[in-house]
C-alpha atoms as a PDB file:
ATOM      1  CA  MET A   1     139.277  88.546 177.753  1.00  0.00           C
ATOM      2  CA  SER A   2     139.959  87.479 181.254  1.00  0.00           C
ATOM      3  CA  VAL A   3     143.518  87.404 181.724  1.00  0.00           C
ATOM      4  CA  ASN A   4     144.195  85.094 184.407  1.00  0.00           C
ATOM      5  CA  GLY A   5     141.711  82.323 182.643  1.00  0.00           C
ATOM      6  CA  ASP A   6     141.954  82.762 179.078  1.00  0.00           C
ATOM      7  CA  GLU A   7     137.974  83.228 179.296  1.00  0.00           C
ATOM      8  CA  VAL A   8     137.090  84.970 176.131  1.00  0.00           C
ATOM      9  CA  TYR A   9     133.732  87.061 175.824  1.00  0.00           C
ATOM     10  CA  GLU A  10     132.261  88.001 172.397  1.00  0.00           C
ATOM     11  CA  PHE A  11     129.716  90.952 172.280  1.00  0.00           C
ATOM     12  CA  PRO A  12     126.668  90.428 170.613  1.00  0.00           C
ATOM     13  CA  ASP A  13     126.804  91.475 166.747  1.00  0.00           C
ATOM     14  CA  GLU A  14     124.278  94.077 167.532  1.00  0.00           C
ATOM     15  CA  PHE A  15     126.244  95.304 170.458  1.00  0.00           C
ATOM     16  CA  ILE A  16     127.801  99.267 169.816  1.00  0.00           C
ATOM     17  CA  LEU A  17     129.730 100.949 173.128  1.00  0.00           C
ATOM     18  CA  ARG A  18     129.292 104.234 172.022  1.00  0.00           C
ATOM     19  CA  SER A  19     132.427 106.945 172.719  1.00  0.00           C
ATOM     20  CA  GLY A  20     132.769 107.930 176.647  1.00  0.00           C
ATOM     21  CA  HIS A  21     130.507 105.216 177.571  1.00  0.00           C
ATOM     22  CA  SER A  22     131.602 102.107 179.556  1.00  0.00           C
ATOM     23  CA  VAL A  23     129.601  98.378 179.965  1.00  0.00           C
ATOM     24  CA  ASN A  24     129.928  95.938 182.822  1.00  0.00           C
ATOM     25  CA  ILE A  25     130.382  92.029 181.795  1.00  0.00           C
ATOM     26  CA  THR A  26     129.053  90.160 184.656  1.00  0.00           C
ATOM     27  CA  SER A  27     129.092  86.273 185.605  1.00  0.00           C
ATOM     28  CA  GLY A  28     127.929  84.208 188.192  1.00  0.00           C
ATOM     29  CA  PRO A  29     125.025  83.551 190.140  1.00  0.00           C
ATOM     30  CA  ASN A  30     124.117  87.211 190.696  1.00  0.00           C
ATOM     31  CA  ALA A  31     125.097  88.189 187.353  1.00  0.00           C
ATOM     32  CA  VAL A  32     122.823  91.133 185.732  1.00  0.00           C
ATOM     33  CA  HIS A  33     121.820  91.512 182.560  1.00  0.00           C
ATOM     34  CA  ASN A  34     120.491  95.322 181.771  1.00  0.00           C
ATOM     35  CA  PRO A  35     121.774  96.422 178.271  1.00  0.00           C
ATOM     36  CA  PRO A  36     123.545  98.154 177.490  1.00  0.00           C
ATOM     37  CA  GLU A  37     125.444  99.009 180.864  1.00  0.00           C
ATOM     38  CA  SER A  38     125.055  95.363 182.093  1.00  0.00           C
ATOM     39  CA  LEU A  39     126.154  92.413 180.078  1.00  0.00           C
ATOM     40  CA  LYS A  40     125.110  89.050 181.495  1.00  0.00           C
ATOM     41  CA  TRP A  41     128.420  86.826 180.356  1.00  0.00           C
ATOM     42  CA  THR A  42     126.996  83.308 182.300  1.00  0.00           C
ATOM     43  CA  GLU A  43     125.949  82.074 185.607  1.00  0.00           C
ATOM     44  CA  THR A  44     129.250  80.655 186.153  1.00  0.00           C
ATOM     45  CA  SER A  45     131.807  82.680 188.317  1.00  0.00           C
ATOM     46  CA  VAL A  46     134.508  83.669 185.459  1.00  0.00           C
ATOM     47  CA  TRP A  47     136.057  86.427 187.126  1.00  0.00           C
ATOM     48  CA  GLU A  48     138.714  85.593 190.103  1.00  0.00           C
ATOM     49  CA  ASP A  49     137.773  87.692 192.870  1.00  0.00           C
ATOM     50  CA  SER A  50     141.252  88.846 193.690  1.00  0.00           C
ATOM     51  CA  GLY A  51     141.429  91.192 190.849  1.00  0.00           C
ATOM     52  CA  ASP A  52     141.112  89.539 187.331  1.00  0.00           C
ATOM     53  CA  PRO A  53     142.485  91.894 185.106  1.00  0.00           C
ATOM     54  CA  ALA A  54     140.763  91.991 181.628  1.00  0.00           C
ATOM     55  CA  LYS A  55     141.600  93.213 178.016  1.00  0.00           C
ATOM     56  CA  LEU A  56     139.414  94.327 175.477  1.00  0.00           C
ATOM     57  CA  TYR A  57     140.464  93.807 171.639  1.00  0.00           C
ATOM     58  CA  GLU A  58     138.493  95.047 168.508  1.00  0.00           C
ATOM     59  CA  PRO A  59     138.082  92.980 165.691  1.00  0.00           C
ATOM     60  CA  GLY A  60     141.243  92.009 164.235  1.00  0.00           C
ATOM     61  CA  ASP A  61     143.027  91.551 167.727  1.00  0.00           C
ATOM     62  CA  PHE A  62     143.831  95.143 167.969  1.00  0.00           C
ATOM     63  CA  LEU A  63     144.280  95.858 171.566  1.00  0.00           C
ATOM     64  CA  LEU A  64     141.948  98.941 172.590  1.00  0.00           C
ATOM     65  CA  VAL A  65     142.285  98.815 176.780  1.00  0.00           C
ATOM     66  CA  GLU A  66     143.608  96.477 179.688  1.00  0.00           C
ATOM     67  CA  THR A  67     142.575  96.806 183.113  1.00  0.00           C
ATOM     68  CA  PRO A  68     145.038  96.332 186.025  1.00  0.00           C
END
């Protein structure tokens, strides 16, 4: 979830983020879709260039991690 804009990205049902791994969620005209390392959200820019923090929730609205 983008904190500043309240946009929400829902991972594909088949996506699994393994322990110790990371994923980049990209948006905008140069967004990259190269699963499982990079997932394309949209061709429209979502993240603010000034450092839009994000929150990652698991099902049931349990906050797992928040970026600064």
